[in-house]
Amino acid sequence: MFIIAGLGNPGKKYAGTRHNSGFMALDTLADHYKITIGTKGFNGLAGTGFIEGEKVLLIKPQTFMNLSGDCIAPACSYYRVDPETNLIVIYDDISLDAGQLRVRLKGSAGGHNGIRSIIDRLGTQNFMRVRIGVGHVPAGYDQADWVLGKFPSALQTDMIDAFERAAGAAAALLHEPADQVMNRFNTKITKEE
């Protein structure tokens, strides 16, 4: 079994914000594979199903971003999932251009409090990640205000595409060699003039 977690903040106040990119990508994945995310448990909302023949638990922590590990660690423990091989976390990243993806197998939190919480609770930083670029914080802008802000209308289509690609990357990690997935999804997106 695999656990695929999308990170974000619960509640209507945060719906559609940059920080909820993980939630939006996970919803896209769930829709594609007809998995309902609605069962309460592990301080989150979850749903089980099959993706590419693999049993999965899709989970959205409801602990607020900074305590994401309080959801992910108990879920891994309960299902006896080894996070180093069978956990995939999808989340926002301010170090990437909006819509850019970065698939990684391990790494530090990189300043992301949700990932820091997961690393602290799991005791390892070796787990698969699909990072979704939400754009760099503009000069003079507060980082919290930026990640809790919504995407401008001009980026809506690009971000919907990014969530689709992030969902595809997570599904691919279930059955393809990681280096192939990284080569396919870590490419820079270029706009046609």
N, C-alpha and C. Protein backbone atom coordinates (compact mmCIF):
# COMPACT_ATOMS: atom_id res chain seq x y z
N MET A 1 0.83 -1.19 0.00
CA MET A 1 0.00 0.00 0.00
C MET A 1 0.88 1.25 0.00
N PHE A 2 0.40 2.27 -0.69
CA PHE A 2 1.05 3.58 -0.70
C PHE A 2 0.14 4.60 -0.02
N ILE A 3 0.75 5.58 0.60
CA ILE A 3 0.02 6.75 1.10
C ILE A 3 0.45 7.93 0.25
N ILE A 4 -0.53 8.63 -0.30
CA ILE A 4 -0.27 9.86 -1.04
C ILE A 4 -0.97 10.98 -0.29
N ALA A 5 -0.18 11.94 0.20
CA ALA A 5 -0.72 13.04 0.99
C ALA A 5 -0.60 14.34 0.20
N GLY A 6 -1.66 15.12 0.22
CA GLY A 6 -1.63 16.47 -0.34
C GLY A 6 -1.72 17.44 0.83
N LEU A 7 -0.80 18.39 0.89
CA LEU A 7 -0.75 19.31 2.03
C LEU A 7 -1.54 20.59 1.75
N GLY A 8 -2.10 21.14 2.83
CA GLY A 8 -2.84 22.39 2.75
C GLY A 8 -3.40 22.74 4.11
N ASN A 9 -4.26 23.75 4.12
CA ASN A 9 -4.95 24.17 5.34
C ASN A 9 -6.43 23.92 5.18
N PRO A 10 -7.10 23.43 6.23
CA PRO A 10 -8.53 23.14 6.13
C PRO A 10 -9.38 24.41 6.19
N GLY A 11 -10.58 24.31 5.68
CA GLY A 11 -11.54 25.41 5.80
C GLY A 11 -11.67 26.25 4.54
N LYS A 12 -12.85 26.84 4.38
CA LYS A 12 -13.14 27.64 3.19
C LYS A 12 -12.22 28.84 3.06
N LYS A 13 -11.78 29.37 4.19
CA LYS A 13 -10.92 30.56 4.18
C LYS A 13 -9.66 30.33 3.35
N TYR A 14 -9.15 29.09 3.33
CA TYR A 14 -7.90 28.78 2.66
C TYR A 14 -8.07 28.11 1.30
N ALA A 15 -9.30 27.83 0.91
CA ALA A 15 -9.54 27.16 -0.37
C ALA A 15 -8.99 28.00 -1.52
N GLY A 16 -8.27 27.35 -2.41
CA GLY A 16 -7.75 28.03 -3.59
C GLY A 16 -6.48 28.83 -3.37
N THR A 17 -5.92 28.78 -2.16
CA THR A 17 -4.68 29.54 -1.90
C THR A 17 -3.46 28.76 -2.40
N ARG A 18 -2.36 29.46 -2.56
CA ARG A 18 -1.13 28.81 -3.02
C ARG A 18 -0.73 27.67 -2.08
N HIS A 19 -0.89 27.89 -0.78
CA HIS A 19 -0.49 26.89 0.21
C HIS A 19 -1.34 25.62 0.11
N ASN A 20 -2.48 25.70 -0.54
CA ASN A 20 -3.36 24.53 -0.68
C ASN A 20 -3.16 23.81 -2.01
N SER A 21 -2.07 24.07 -2.67
CA SER A 21 -1.79 23.40 -3.95
C SER A 21 -1.76 21.88 -3.81
N GLY A 22 -1.25 21.39 -2.68
CA GLY A 22 -1.23 19.94 -2.46
C GLY A 22 -2.64 19.36 -2.39
N PHE A 23 -3.54 20.06 -1.71
CA PHE A 23 -4.95 19.64 -1.66
C PHE A 23 -5.54 19.57 -3.06
N MET A 24 -5.28 20.62 -3.85
CA MET A 24 -5.89 20.70 -5.19
C MET A 24 -5.36 19.61 -6.11
N ALA A 25 -4.07 19.32 -6.03
CA ALA A 25 -3.50 18.25 -6.84
C ALA A 25 -4.03 16.89 -6.40
N LEU A 26 -4.18 16.70 -5.08
CA LEU A 26 -4.72 15.43 -4.58
C LEU A 26 -6.17 15.25 -5.01
N ASP A 27 -6.95 16.33 -4.98
CA ASP A 27 -8.34 16.26 -5.46
C ASP A 27 -8.38 15.88 -6.93
N THR A 28 -7.46 16.40 -7.71
CA THR A 28 -7.37 16.06 -9.14
C THR A 28 -7.07 14.58 -9.31
N LEU A 29 -6.14 14.07 -8.53
CA LEU A 29 -5.79 12.65 -8.58
C LEU A 29 -6.99 11.79 -8.17
N ALA A 30 -7.65 12.18 -7.10
CA ALA A 30 -8.82 11.43 -6.62
C ALA A 30 -9.93 11.40 -7.67
N ASP A 31 -10.18 12.54 -8.29
CA ASP A 31 -11.22 12.60 -9.33
C ASP A 31 -10.89 11.68 -10.49
N HIS A 32 -9.63 11.69 -10.91
CA HIS A 32 -9.21 10.89 -12.06
C HIS A 32 -9.40 9.38 -11.80
N TYR A 33 -9.14 8.96 -10.56
CA TYR A 33 -9.23 7.53 -10.24
C TYR A 33 -10.49 7.19 -9.43
N LYS A 34 -11.42 8.14 -9.38
CA LYS A 34 -12.73 7.94 -8.73
C LYS A 34 -12.59 7.45 -7.27
N ILE A 35 -11.73 8.15 -6.53
CA ILE A 35 -11.54 7.86 -5.11
C ILE A 35 -12.15 9.01 -4.31
N THR A 36 -13.02 8.69 -3.38
CA THR A 36 -13.67 9.71 -2.56
C THR A 36 -12.84 9.98 -1.32
N ILE A 37 -12.47 11.25 -1.14
CA ILE A 37 -11.72 11.65 0.05
C ILE A 37 -12.72 12.30 1.00
N GLY A 38 -13.11 11.58 2.04
CA GLY A 38 -14.10 12.14 2.94
C GLY A 38 -14.17 11.45 4.29
N THR A 39 -13.46 10.34 4.44
CA THR A 39 -13.47 9.60 5.70
C THR A 39 -12.56 10.31 6.69
N LYS A 40 -13.08 10.59 7.89
CA LYS A 40 -12.27 11.25 8.91
C LYS A 40 -11.41 10.23 9.64
N GLY A 41 -10.17 10.58 9.85
CA GLY A 41 -9.25 9.71 10.58
C GLY A 41 -7.84 10.25 10.51
N PHE A 42 -7.03 9.94 11.49
CA PHE A 42 -5.62 10.35 11.53
C PHE A 42 -5.48 11.87 11.47
N ASN A 43 -6.42 12.62 12.01
CA ASN A 43 -6.39 14.08 11.94
C ASN A 43 -6.46 14.57 10.50
N GLY A 44 -7.16 13.83 9.66
CA GLY A 44 -7.27 14.21 8.26
C GLY A 44 -8.53 13.68 7.62
N LEU A 45 -8.65 13.93 6.32
CA LEU A 45 -9.71 13.36 5.49
C LEU A 45 -9.03 12.42 4.52
N ALA A 46 -9.57 11.21 4.40
CA ALA A 46 -8.89 10.19 3.61
C ALA A 46 -9.86 9.41 2.74
N GLY A 47 -9.29 8.71 1.79
CA GLY A 47 -10.04 7.81 0.93
C GLY A 47 -9.10 6.74 0.40
N THR A 48 -9.61 5.53 0.26
CA THR A 48 -8.79 4.43 -0.27
C THR A 48 -9.32 4.01 -1.64
N GLY A 49 -8.42 3.48 -2.42
CA GLY A 49 -8.78 2.99 -3.75
C GLY A 49 -7.55 2.40 -4.41
N PHE A 50 -7.62 2.31 -5.74
CA PHE A 50 -6.51 1.74 -6.51
C PHE A 50 -6.09 2.70 -7.61
N ILE A 51 -4.79 2.86 -7.76
CA ILE A 51 -4.21 3.65 -8.84
C ILE A 51 -3.18 2.78 -9.54
N GLU A 52 -3.38 2.56 -10.82
CA GLU A 52 -2.45 1.74 -11.61
C GLU A 52 -2.20 0.39 -10.94
N GLY A 53 -3.26 -0.19 -10.36
CA GLY A 53 -3.15 -1.51 -9.73
C GLY A 53 -2.61 -1.51 -8.32
N GLU A 54 -2.20 -0.35 -7.80
CA GLU A 54 -1.67 -0.25 -6.44
C GLU A 54 -2.74 0.27 -5.49
N LYS A 55 -2.86 -0.37 -4.32
CA LYS A 55 -3.78 0.14 -3.30
C LYS A 55 -3.18 1.41 -2.70
N VAL A 56 -4.02 2.43 -2.58
CA VAL A 56 -3.54 3.71 -2.06
C VAL A 56 -4.49 4.27 -1.00
N LEU A 57 -3.91 5.03 -0.09
CA LEU A 57 -4.67 5.88 0.81
C LEU A 57 -4.33 7.31 0.42
N LEU A 58 -5.33 8.06 -0.01
CA LEU A 58 -5.15 9.48 -0.29
C LEU A 58 -5.58 10.23 0.95
N ILE A 59 -4.75 11.17 1.41
CA ILE A 59 -5.07 11.84 2.68
C ILE A 59 -4.72 13.33 2.63
N LYS A 60 -5.64 14.12 3.20
CA LYS A 60 -5.46 15.57 3.32
C LYS A 60 -5.47 15.91 4.81
N PRO A 61 -4.32 16.24 5.38
CA PRO A 61 -4.28 16.60 6.80
C PRO A 61 -5.22 17.77 7.10
N GLN A 62 -5.90 17.69 8.22
CA GLN A 62 -6.79 18.76 8.65
C GLN A 62 -6.24 19.45 9.91
N THR A 63 -4.94 19.35 10.09
CA THR A 63 -4.25 19.85 11.28
C THR A 63 -3.72 21.26 11.10
N PHE A 64 -3.89 21.84 9.93
CA PHE A 64 -3.20 23.05 9.49
C PHE A 64 -1.78 22.66 9.12
N MET A 65 -1.23 23.41 8.19
CA MET A 65 0.03 23.06 7.53
C MET A 65 1.15 22.73 8.51
N ASN A 66 1.33 23.56 9.54
CA ASN A 66 2.49 23.41 10.42
C ASN A 66 2.49 22.13 11.24
N LEU A 67 1.36 21.42 11.27
CA LEU A 67 1.27 20.17 12.04
C LEU A 67 0.94 18.99 11.13
N SER A 68 1.31 19.06 9.87
CA SER A 68 0.99 18.00 8.91
C SER A 68 1.48 16.63 9.36
N GLY A 69 2.61 16.59 10.06
CA GLY A 69 3.15 15.32 10.53
C GLY A 69 2.25 14.62 11.53
N ASP A 70 1.39 15.40 12.21
CA ASP A 70 0.46 14.79 13.17
C ASP A 70 -0.63 13.99 12.49
N CYS A 71 -0.74 14.12 11.19
CA CYS A 71 -1.65 13.31 10.39
C CYS A 71 -0.89 12.18 9.68
N ILE A 72 0.19 12.55 9.02
CA ILE A 72 0.92 11.61 8.17
C ILE A 72 1.57 10.48 8.97
N ALA A 73 2.23 10.81 10.08
CA ALA A 73 2.93 9.77 10.87
C ALA A 73 1.97 8.71 11.41
N PRO A 74 0.82 9.08 12.03
CA PRO A 74 -0.10 8.05 12.50
C PRO A 74 -0.66 7.18 11.37
N ALA A 75 -0.90 7.78 10.21
CA ALA A 75 -1.41 7.00 9.08
C ALA A 75 -0.37 5.99 8.62
N CYS A 76 0.89 6.41 8.52
CA CYS A 76 1.96 5.48 8.13
C CYS A 76 2.09 4.35 9.15
N SER A 77 2.01 4.70 10.43
CA SER A 77 2.13 3.70 11.49
C SER A 77 0.98 2.69 11.43
N TYR A 78 -0.23 3.19 11.32
CA TYR A 78 -1.41 2.32 11.31
C TYR A 78 -1.38 1.33 10.15
N TYR A 79 -1.03 1.81 8.98
CA TYR A 79 -1.03 0.94 7.79
C TYR A 79 0.31 0.24 7.57
N ARG A 80 1.25 0.46 8.48
CA ARG A 80 2.59 -0.13 8.38
C ARG A 80 3.25 0.20 7.05
N VAL A 81 3.12 1.45 6.66
CA VAL A 81 3.71 1.94 5.42
C VAL A 81 5.10 2.48 5.73
N ASP A 82 6.09 1.99 5.00
CA ASP A 82 7.45 2.51 5.15
C ASP A 82 7.51 3.84 4.39
N PRO A 83 7.67 4.96 5.10
CA PRO A 83 7.65 6.25 4.42
C PRO A 83 8.78 6.41 3.41
N GLU A 84 9.87 5.69 3.60
CA GLU A 84 11.01 5.84 2.70
C GLU A 84 10.76 5.20 1.33
N THR A 85 9.77 4.31 1.24
CA THR A 85 9.48 3.66 -0.04
C THR A 85 8.04 3.83 -0.50
N ASN A 86 7.11 4.10 0.42
CA ASN A 86 5.70 4.06 0.06
C ASN A 86 4.89 5.29 0.49
N LEU A 87 5.55 6.41 0.68
CA LEU A 87 4.87 7.66 0.99
C LEU A 87 5.23 8.69 -0.07
N ILE A 88 4.21 9.38 -0.58
CA ILE A 88 4.40 10.47 -1.54
C ILE A 88 3.67 11.69 -0.98
N VAL A 89 4.36 12.81 -0.89
CA VAL A 89 3.77 14.05 -0.37
C VAL A 89 3.77 15.10 -1.48
N ILE A 90 2.61 15.71 -1.71
CA ILE A 90 2.44 16.76 -2.73
C ILE A 90 2.23 18.08 -2.01
N TYR A 91 3.01 19.10 -2.39
CA TYR A 91 2.89 20.38 -1.67
C TYR A 91 3.41 21.54 -2.51
N ASP A 92 3.15 22.75 -2.04
CA ASP A 92 3.54 23.99 -2.70
C ASP A 92 5.00 24.31 -2.44
N ASP A 93 5.60 25.05 -3.39
CA ASP A 93 7.01 25.43 -3.24
C ASP A 93 7.22 26.83 -3.80
N ILE A 94 7.66 27.76 -2.95
CA ILE A 94 7.88 29.14 -3.37
C ILE A 94 9.22 29.33 -4.08
N SER A 95 10.05 28.30 -4.11
CA SER A 95 11.35 28.44 -4.79
C SER A 95 11.24 28.07 -6.27
N LEU A 96 10.06 27.64 -6.71
CA LEU A 96 9.85 27.28 -8.11
C LEU A 96 8.88 28.25 -8.76
N ASP A 97 9.07 28.49 -10.05
CA ASP A 97 8.13 29.32 -10.80
C ASP A 97 6.74 28.70 -10.74
N ALA A 98 5.73 29.54 -10.82
CA ALA A 98 4.34 29.06 -10.77
C ALA A 98 4.11 28.03 -11.87
N GLY A 99 3.61 26.86 -11.46
CA GLY A 99 3.31 25.79 -12.40
C GLY A 99 4.44 24.80 -12.63
N GLN A 100 5.64 25.14 -12.19
CA GLN A 100 6.80 24.25 -12.35
C GLN A 100 6.69 23.10 -11.35
N LEU A 101 7.07 21.89 -11.75
CA LEU A 101 7.08 20.74 -10.84
C LEU A 101 8.51 20.32 -10.54
N ARG A 102 8.68 19.72 -9.37
CA ARG A 102 9.97 19.13 -9.01
C ARG A 102 9.67 17.86 -8.22
N VAL A 103 10.04 16.72 -8.77
CA VAL A 103 9.88 15.43 -8.10
C VAL A 103 11.22 15.10 -7.43
N ARG A 104 11.17 14.73 -6.16
CA ARG A 104 12.37 14.38 -5.41
C ARG A 104 12.10 13.15 -4.55
N LEU A 105 13.16 12.41 -4.21
CA LEU A 105 13.03 11.22 -3.38
C LEU A 105 13.35 11.48 -1.92
N LYS A 106 13.98 12.63 -1.65
CA LYS A 106 14.36 12.96 -0.27
C LYS A 106 14.81 14.41 -0.23
N GLY A 107 15.10 14.90 0.95
CA GLY A 107 15.62 16.24 1.08
C GLY A 107 15.18 16.91 2.36
N SER A 108 15.72 18.08 2.59
CA SER A 108 15.37 18.83 3.80
C SER A 108 13.99 19.46 3.62
N ALA A 109 13.55 20.14 4.64
CA ALA A 109 12.24 20.82 4.58
C ALA A 109 12.31 22.04 3.67
N GLY A 110 13.48 22.60 3.48
CA GLY A 110 13.62 23.75 2.60
C GLY A 110 12.78 24.94 3.03
N GLY A 111 12.57 25.08 4.35
CA GLY A 111 11.78 26.20 4.84
C GLY A 111 10.28 25.97 4.83
N HIS A 112 9.83 24.79 4.38
CA HIS A 112 8.40 24.49 4.34
C HIS A 112 7.98 23.85 5.67
N ASN A 113 7.13 24.53 6.42
CA ASN A 113 6.77 24.06 7.76
C ASN A 113 6.00 22.75 7.76
N GLY A 114 5.20 22.50 6.73
CA GLY A 114 4.48 21.23 6.65
C GLY A 114 5.44 20.07 6.50
N ILE A 115 6.43 20.23 5.63
CA ILE A 115 7.43 19.18 5.43
C ILE A 115 8.30 19.02 6.67
N ARG A 116 8.64 20.13 7.33
CA ARG A 116 9.42 20.06 8.57
C ARG A 116 8.67 19.21 9.61
N SER A 117 7.37 19.43 9.74
CA SER A 117 6.55 18.67 10.68
C SER A 117 6.55 17.17 10.35
N ILE A 118 6.45 16.85 9.07
CA ILE A 118 6.45 15.44 8.65
C ILE A 118 7.80 14.80 8.95
N ILE A 119 8.88 15.50 8.62
CA ILE A 119 10.23 14.97 8.90
C ILE A 119 10.40 14.75 10.40
N ASP A 120 9.97 15.72 11.21
CA ASP A 120 10.10 15.59 12.67
C ASP A 120 9.34 14.39 13.19
N ARG A 121 8.12 14.19 12.72
CA ARG A 121 7.29 13.10 13.23
C ARG A 121 7.72 11.73 12.70
N LEU A 122 8.19 11.67 11.46
CA LEU A 122 8.60 10.39 10.88
C LEU A 122 10.02 10.01 11.28
N GLY A 123 10.85 11.02 11.59
CA GLY A 123 12.25 10.74 11.91
C GLY A 123 13.10 10.46 10.70
N THR A 124 12.61 10.84 9.52
CA THR A 124 13.39 10.68 8.28
C THR A 124 12.98 11.76 7.30
N GLN A 125 13.94 12.15 6.46
CA GLN A 125 13.61 13.07 5.38
C GLN A 125 13.63 12.34 4.03
N ASN A 126 13.72 11.02 4.10
CA ASN A 126 13.75 10.20 2.89
C ASN A 126 12.35 9.72 2.54
N PHE A 127 11.60 10.57 1.86
CA PHE A 127 10.29 10.18 1.32
C PHE A 127 10.08 10.96 0.03
N MET A 128 9.27 10.38 -0.85
CA MET A 128 9.03 10.98 -2.17
C MET A 128 8.18 12.24 -2.04
N ARG A 129 8.53 13.24 -2.87
CA ARG A 129 7.79 14.51 -2.87
C ARG A 129 7.50 14.93 -4.30
N VAL A 130 6.36 15.55 -4.47
CA VAL A 130 6.03 16.24 -5.71
C VAL A 130 5.78 17.69 -5.31
N ARG A 131 6.72 18.55 -5.68
CA ARG A 131 6.64 19.97 -5.31
C ARG A 131 6.02 20.75 -6.46
N ILE A 132 5.06 21.60 -6.13
CA ILE A 132 4.38 22.41 -7.14
C ILE A 132 4.78 23.87 -6.95
N GLY A 133 5.39 24.44 -7.96
CA GLY A 133 5.80 25.83 -7.88
C GLY A 133 4.61 26.77 -7.80
N VAL A 134 4.69 27.70 -6.86
CA VAL A 134 3.62 28.70 -6.71
C VAL A 134 4.16 30.10 -6.95
N GLY A 135 5.40 30.18 -7.40
CA GLY A 135 6.02 31.48 -7.67
C GLY A 135 6.80 32.00 -6.49
N HIS A 136 7.79 32.81 -6.80
CA HIS A 136 8.66 33.38 -5.78
C HIS A 136 7.96 34.54 -5.08
N VAL A 137 8.24 34.71 -3.81
CA VAL A 137 7.65 35.82 -3.05
C VAL A 137 8.21 37.13 -3.59
N PRO A 138 7.34 38.04 -4.04
CA PRO A 138 7.84 39.32 -4.57
C PRO A 138 8.56 40.13 -3.50
N ALA A 139 9.50 40.94 -3.92
CA ALA A 139 10.25 41.80 -3.00
C ALA A 139 9.28 42.67 -2.20
N GLY A 140 9.53 42.75 -0.90
CA GLY A 140 8.69 43.57 -0.03
C GLY A 140 7.37 42.93 0.36
N TYR A 141 7.16 41.69 -0.05
CA TYR A 141 5.92 40.98 0.24
C TYR A 141 6.14 40.02 1.40
N ASP A 142 5.20 39.90 2.31
CA ASP A 142 5.30 38.96 3.42
C ASP A 142 5.07 37.54 2.90
N GLN A 143 5.96 36.62 3.29
CA GLN A 143 5.85 35.24 2.79
C GLN A 143 4.52 34.59 3.17
N ALA A 144 4.07 34.79 4.40
CA ALA A 144 2.79 34.19 4.83
C ALA A 144 1.64 34.74 3.99
N ASP A 145 1.64 36.04 3.74
CA ASP A 145 0.59 36.63 2.91
C ASP A 145 0.62 36.06 1.50
N TRP A 146 1.83 35.82 1.00
CA TRP A 146 1.97 35.28 -0.36
C TRP A 146 1.39 33.87 -0.46
N VAL A 147 1.81 32.97 0.43
CA VAL A 147 1.35 31.58 0.32
C VAL A 147 -0.14 31.44 0.69
N LEU A 148 -0.65 32.37 1.49
CA LEU A 148 -2.07 32.31 1.85
C LEU A 148 -2.93 33.13 0.90
N GLY A 149 -2.29 33.69 -0.14
CA GLY A 149 -3.03 34.40 -1.17
C GLY A 149 -3.44 33.45 -2.29
N LYS A 150 -4.35 33.91 -3.12
CA LYS A 150 -4.84 33.08 -4.23
C LYS A 150 -4.08 33.41 -5.51
N PHE A 151 -4.11 32.46 -6.43
CA PHE A 151 -3.47 32.67 -7.72
C PHE A 151 -4.24 33.72 -8.52
N PRO A 152 -3.53 34.61 -9.22
CA PRO A 152 -4.24 35.58 -10.06
C PRO A 152 -4.97 34.86 -11.19
N SER A 153 -6.02 35.48 -11.70
CA SER A 153 -6.84 34.84 -12.74
C SER A 153 -6.00 34.47 -13.97
N ALA A 154 -4.97 35.26 -14.27
CA ALA A 154 -4.12 34.98 -15.43
C ALA A 154 -3.38 33.64 -15.31
N LEU A 155 -3.21 33.14 -14.08
CA LEU A 155 -2.49 31.88 -13.86
C LEU A 155 -3.41 30.69 -13.64
N GLN A 156 -4.72 30.89 -13.59
CA GLN A 156 -5.64 29.80 -13.25
C GLN A 156 -5.46 28.59 -14.17
N THR A 157 -5.43 28.81 -15.47
CA THR A 157 -5.30 27.69 -16.41
C THR A 157 -3.97 26.98 -16.23
N ASP A 158 -2.90 27.75 -16.05
CA ASP A 158 -1.57 27.15 -15.85
C ASP A 158 -1.54 26.29 -14.59
N MET A 159 -2.19 26.76 -13.53
CA MET A 159 -2.15 26.01 -12.28
C MET A 159 -3.03 24.76 -12.35
N ILE A 160 -4.15 24.83 -13.03
CA ILE A 160 -4.96 23.62 -13.23
C ILE A 160 -4.13 22.56 -13.95
N ASP A 161 -3.37 23.00 -14.96
CA ASP A 161 -2.47 22.09 -15.68
C ASP A 161 -1.39 21.54 -14.74
N ALA A 162 -0.86 22.40 -13.86
CA ALA A 162 0.17 21.96 -12.92
C ALA A 162 -0.38 20.91 -11.96
N PHE A 163 -1.62 21.10 -11.49
CA PHE A 163 -2.22 20.11 -10.59
C PHE A 163 -2.44 18.78 -11.31
N GLU A 164 -2.81 18.85 -12.59
CA GLU A 164 -2.96 17.62 -13.40
C GLU A 164 -1.61 16.90 -13.52
N ARG A 165 -0.56 17.67 -13.82
CA ARG A 165 0.76 17.08 -13.97
C ARG A 165 1.27 16.52 -12.64
N ALA A 166 1.01 17.23 -11.54
CA ALA A 166 1.43 16.74 -10.22
C ALA A 166 0.73 15.43 -9.88
N ALA A 167 -0.56 15.36 -10.19
CA ALA A 167 -1.31 14.12 -9.98
C ALA A 167 -0.71 13.00 -10.83
N GLY A 168 -0.36 13.32 -12.08
CA GLY A 168 0.25 12.33 -12.96
C GLY A 168 1.60 11.86 -12.45
N ALA A 169 2.38 12.79 -11.89
CA ALA A 169 3.69 12.43 -11.34
C ALA A 169 3.54 11.50 -10.15
N ALA A 170 2.58 11.80 -9.26
CA ALA A 170 2.36 10.94 -8.09
C ALA A 170 1.93 9.54 -8.53
N ALA A 171 1.04 9.46 -9.51
CA ALA A 171 0.59 8.16 -10.00
C ALA A 171 1.76 7.40 -10.64
N ALA A 172 2.60 8.12 -11.38
CA ALA A 172 3.75 7.48 -12.04
C ALA A 172 4.74 6.91 -11.03
N LEU A 173 4.92 7.60 -9.89
CA LEU A 173 5.85 7.12 -8.87
C LEU A 173 5.44 5.77 -8.28
N LEU A 174 4.20 5.38 -8.46
CA LEU A 174 3.73 4.10 -7.93
C LEU A 174 4.27 2.91 -8.71
N HIS A 175 4.62 3.13 -9.99
CA HIS A 175 4.99 1.97 -10.80
C HIS A 175 6.14 2.19 -11.77
N GLU A 176 6.67 3.41 -11.83
CA GLU A 176 7.79 3.68 -12.74
C GLU A 176 9.06 3.94 -11.94
N PRO A 177 10.23 3.66 -12.52
CA PRO A 177 11.48 4.02 -11.84
C PRO A 177 11.51 5.53 -11.59
N ALA A 178 11.95 5.91 -10.40
CA ALA A 178 11.91 7.31 -9.97
C ALA A 178 12.69 8.21 -10.92
N ASP A 179 13.84 7.74 -11.45
CA ASP A 179 14.62 8.60 -12.32
C ASP A 179 13.86 8.93 -13.60
N GLN A 180 13.08 7.99 -14.10
CA GLN A 180 12.25 8.25 -15.29
C GLN A 180 11.18 9.29 -14.98
N VAL A 181 10.56 9.16 -13.81
CA VAL A 181 9.52 10.12 -13.41
C VAL A 181 10.12 11.51 -13.28
N MET A 182 11.29 11.61 -12.66
CA MET A 182 11.94 12.90 -12.50
C MET A 182 12.31 13.50 -13.85
N ASN A 183 12.84 12.69 -14.75
CA ASN A 183 13.20 13.18 -16.08
C ASN A 183 11.99 13.70 -16.83
N ARG A 184 10.85 13.06 -16.65
CA ARG A 184 9.64 13.46 -17.38
C ARG A 184 8.98 14.69 -16.79
N PHE A 185 8.94 14.79 -15.46
CA PHE A 185 8.15 15.85 -14.84
C PHE A 185 8.97 17.05 -14.34
N ASN A 186 10.29 16.92 -14.23
CA ASN A 186 11.10 18.03 -13.72
C ASN A 186 11.56 18.98 -14.82
N THR A 187 11.06 18.83 -16.03
CA THR A 187 11.46 19.70 -17.12
C THR A 187 10.83 21.08 -16.96
N LYS A 188 11.56 22.07 -17.40
CA LYS A 188 11.10 23.47 -17.29
C LYS A 188 9.98 23.70 -18.29
N ILE A 189 8.91 24.34 -17.84
CA ILE A 189 7.79 24.66 -18.71
C ILE A 189 8.12 25.97 -19.42
N THR A 190 8.02 25.95 -20.73
CA THR A 190 8.24 27.19 -21.49
C THR A 190 6.96 27.58 -22.21
N LYS A 191 6.69 28.86 -22.21
CA LYS A 191 5.49 29.39 -22.87
C LYS A 191 5.82 29.70 -24.32
N GLU A 192 4.87 29.39 -25.19
CA GLU A 192 5.03 29.77 -26.59
C GLU A 192 4.61 31.22 -26.74
N GLU A 193 5.39 31.93 -27.51
CA GLU A 193 5.09 33.37 -27.71
C GLU A 193 3.98 33.51 -28.75
